[in-house]
Amino acid sequence: MTLRVLDPRQAAQGEAMRMAPALPSLSGAVVGLLDNAKIGTGRLFDFVEEILRDEHGVREFIRRRKPDASRPVPPEMLAELSGADAILSAIGD
């Protein structure tokens, strides 16, 4: 059996994608939280939001929940999240 490991940084055409530059600080930032629709993700993000707001000065959160875990993020939801300085996506299982 052959194990194939895919590099998520590779574009479909084989060209490496560039990672976004790191934020100098989260203070005053807008952070998107993308929930994959699993049962525990909401609680996880409640906790993450509290830490990021209280300890790192995040100003605002854009929280969105996918219709279900097996489908990609709808384009309109991606458009809403595009207003964030950083986005976290999590699986709450």
C-alpha atoms as a PDB file:
ATOM      1  CA  MET A   1       0.000   0.000   0.000  1.00  0.00           C
ATOM      2  CA  THR A   2       1.302   3.458  -0.918  1.00  0.00           C
ATOM      3  CA  LEU A   3       0.805   6.425   1.379  1.00  0.00           C
ATOM      4  CA  ARG A   4       0.476   9.745  -0.435  1.00  0.00           C
ATOM      5  CA  VAL A   5       0.973  12.951   1.564  1.00  0.00           C
ATOM      6  CA  LEU A   6      -0.407  16.138   0.035  1.00  0.00           C
ATOM      7  CA  ASP A   7       1.150  19.511   0.763  1.00  0.00           C
ATOM      8  CA  PRO A   8      -1.713  22.023   1.306  1.00  0.00           C
ATOM      9  CA  ARG A   9       0.603  24.855   0.264  1.00  0.00           C
ATOM     10  CA  GLN A  10       0.649  23.604  -3.324  1.00  0.00           C
ATOM     11  CA  ALA A  11      -1.751  25.190  -5.794  1.00  0.00           C
ATOM     12  CA  ALA A  12      -3.667  22.921  -8.149  1.00  0.00           C
ATOM     13  CA  GLN A  13      -1.275  23.850 -10.960  1.00  0.00           C
ATOM     14  CA  GLY A  14       1.733  22.770  -8.874  1.00  0.00           C
ATOM     15  CA  GLU A  15       2.867  26.282  -7.952  1.00  0.00           C
ATOM     16  CA  ALA A  16       3.554  26.943  -4.284  1.00  0.00           C
ATOM     17  CA  MET A  17       1.138  29.367  -2.667  1.00  0.00           C
ATOM     18  CA  ARG A  18       2.550  32.088  -0.457  1.00  0.00           C
ATOM     19  CA  MET A  19       1.485  32.225   3.155  1.00  0.00           C
ATOM     20  CA  ALA A  20       0.040  35.499   4.398  1.00  0.00           C
ATOM     21  CA  PRO A  21       2.442  37.545   6.498  1.00  0.00           C
ATOM     22  CA  ALA A  22       2.052  37.167  10.255  1.00  0.00           C
ATOM     23  CA  LEU A  23       0.146  39.898  12.042  1.00  0.00           C
ATOM     24  CA  PRO A  24       2.451  42.035  14.169  1.00  0.00           C
ATOM     25  CA  SER A  25      -0.156  41.916  16.955  1.00  0.00           C
ATOM     26  CA  LEU A  26      -3.717  40.792  17.586  1.00  0.00           C
ATOM     27  CA  SER A  27      -4.463  43.983  19.491  1.00  0.00           C
ATOM     28  CA  GLY A  28      -7.318  45.753  17.695  1.00  0.00           C
ATOM     29  CA  ALA A  29      -7.634  42.956  15.125  1.00  0.00           C
ATOM     30  CA  VAL A  30     -10.782  41.432  13.661  1.00  0.00           C
ATOM     31  CA  VAL A  31     -10.681  37.619  13.855  1.00  0.00           C
ATOM     32  CA  GLY A  32     -12.937  35.271  11.914  1.00  0.00           C
ATOM     33  CA  LEU A  33     -14.004  32.035  13.596  1.00  0.00           C
ATOM     34  CA  LEU A  34     -15.222  29.385  11.157  1.00  0.00           C
ATOM     35  CA  ASP A  35     -17.223  26.638  12.852  1.00  0.00           C
ATOM     36  CA  ASN A  36     -17.329  23.322  10.981  1.00  0.00           C
ATOM     37  CA  ALA A  37     -20.783  22.476  12.416  1.00  0.00           C
ATOM     38  CA  LYS A  38     -19.597  19.698  14.722  1.00  0.00           C
ATOM     39  CA  ILE A  39     -21.180  19.616  18.151  1.00  0.00           C
ATOM     40  CA  GLY A  40     -18.217  20.886  20.201  1.00  0.00           C
ATOM     41  CA  THR A  41     -16.949  23.694  17.988  1.00  0.00           C
ATOM     42  CA  GLY A  42     -19.208  26.416  19.404  1.00  0.00           C
ATOM     43  CA  ARG A  43     -17.986  25.801  22.958  1.00  0.00           C
ATOM     44  CA  LEU A  44     -14.375  25.680  21.774  1.00  0.00           C
ATOM     45  CA  PHE A  45     -14.747  29.019  19.987  1.00  0.00           C
ATOM     46  CA  ASP A  46     -16.465  30.585  23.032  1.00  0.00           C
ATOM     47  CA  PHE A  47     -13.300  29.751  24.984  1.00  0.00           C
ATOM     48  CA  VAL A  48     -10.926  30.874  22.197  1.00  0.00           C
ATOM     49  CA  GLU A  49     -12.846  34.134  21.782  1.00  0.00           C
ATOM     50  CA  GLU A  50     -12.595  34.902  25.493  1.00  0.00           C
ATOM     51  CA  ILE A  51      -8.819  34.298  25.509  1.00  0.00           C
ATOM     52  CA  LEU A  52      -8.190  36.314  22.346  1.00  0.00           C
ATOM     53  CA  ARG A  53     -10.316  39.239  23.561  1.00  0.00           C
ATOM     54  CA  ASP A  54      -9.053  39.326  27.175  1.00  0.00           C
ATOM     55  CA  GLU A  55      -5.391  38.383  26.732  1.00  0.00           C
ATOM     56  CA  HIS A  56      -4.594  39.583  23.205  1.00  0.00           C
ATOM     57  CA  GLY A  57      -6.879  42.584  22.662  1.00  0.00           C
ATOM     58  CA  VAL A  58      -8.858  41.306  19.678  1.00  0.00           C
ATOM     59  CA  ARG A  59     -11.429  44.018  18.905  1.00  0.00           C
ATOM     60  CA  GLU A  60     -14.068  42.089  16.989  1.00  0.00           C
ATOM     61  CA  PHE A  61     -15.030  38.576  15.916  1.00  0.00           C
ATOM     62  CA  ILE A  62     -16.831  37.385  12.805  1.00  0.00           C
ATOM     63  CA  ARG A  63     -18.328  33.997  13.706  1.00  0.00           C
ATOM     64  CA  ARG A  64     -19.813  31.818  11.011  1.00  0.00           C
ATOM     65  CA  ARG A  65     -20.995  28.197  11.028  1.00  0.00           C
ATOM     66  CA  LYS A  66     -20.824  25.986   7.944  1.00  0.00           C
ATOM     67  CA  PRO A  67     -24.070  24.245   6.938  1.00  0.00           C
ATOM     68  CA  ASP A  68     -22.366  20.925   7.729  1.00  0.00           C
ATOM     69  CA  ALA A  69     -18.859  19.562   8.211  1.00  0.00           C
ATOM     70  CA  SER A  70     -18.649  17.635   4.938  1.00  0.00           C
ATOM     71  CA  ARG A  71     -19.254  20.558   2.582  1.00  0.00           C
ATOM     72  CA  PRO A  72     -16.967  23.442   1.643  1.00  0.00           C
ATOM     73  CA  VAL A  73     -17.598  26.924   2.974  1.00  0.00           C
ATOM     74  CA  PRO A  74     -20.290  28.681   0.903  1.00  0.00           C
ATOM     75  CA  PRO A  75     -18.927  31.595  -1.182  1.00  0.00           C
ATOM     76  CA  GLU A  76     -21.096  34.182   0.608  1.00  0.00           C
ATOM     77  CA  MET A  77     -19.708  33.029   3.965  1.00  0.00           C
ATOM     78  CA  LEU A  78     -16.152  33.320   2.635  1.00  0.00           C
ATOM     79  CA  ALA A  79     -16.976  36.855   1.506  1.00  0.00           C
ATOM     80  CA  GLU A  80     -18.145  37.741   5.034  1.00  0.00           C
ATOM     81  CA  LEU A  81     -15.002  36.257   6.567  1.00  0.00           C
ATOM     82  CA  SER A  82     -12.767  38.150   4.128  1.00  0.00           C
ATOM     83  CA  GLY A  83     -13.194  41.236   6.328  1.00  0.00           C
ATOM     84  CA  ALA A  84     -11.140  39.580   9.079  1.00  0.00           C
ATOM     85  CA  ASP A  85      -7.445  40.155   9.719  1.00  0.00           C
ATOM     86  CA  ALA A  86      -7.059  36.461  10.639  1.00  0.00           C
ATOM     87  CA  ILE A  87      -9.322  33.405  10.477  1.00  0.00           C
ATOM     88  CA  LEU A  88      -9.410  30.300  12.657  1.00  0.00           C
ATOM     89  CA  SER A  89     -11.148  27.181  11.436  1.00  0.00           C
ATOM     90  CA  ALA A  90     -11.781  24.380  13.906  1.00  0.00           C
ATOM     91  CA  ILE A  91     -13.216  20.904  14.268  1.00  0.00           C
ATOM     92  CA  GLY A  92     -15.148  20.455  17.484  1.00  0.00           C
ATOM     93  CA  ASP A  93     -15.180  16.695  17.824  1.00  0.00           C
END
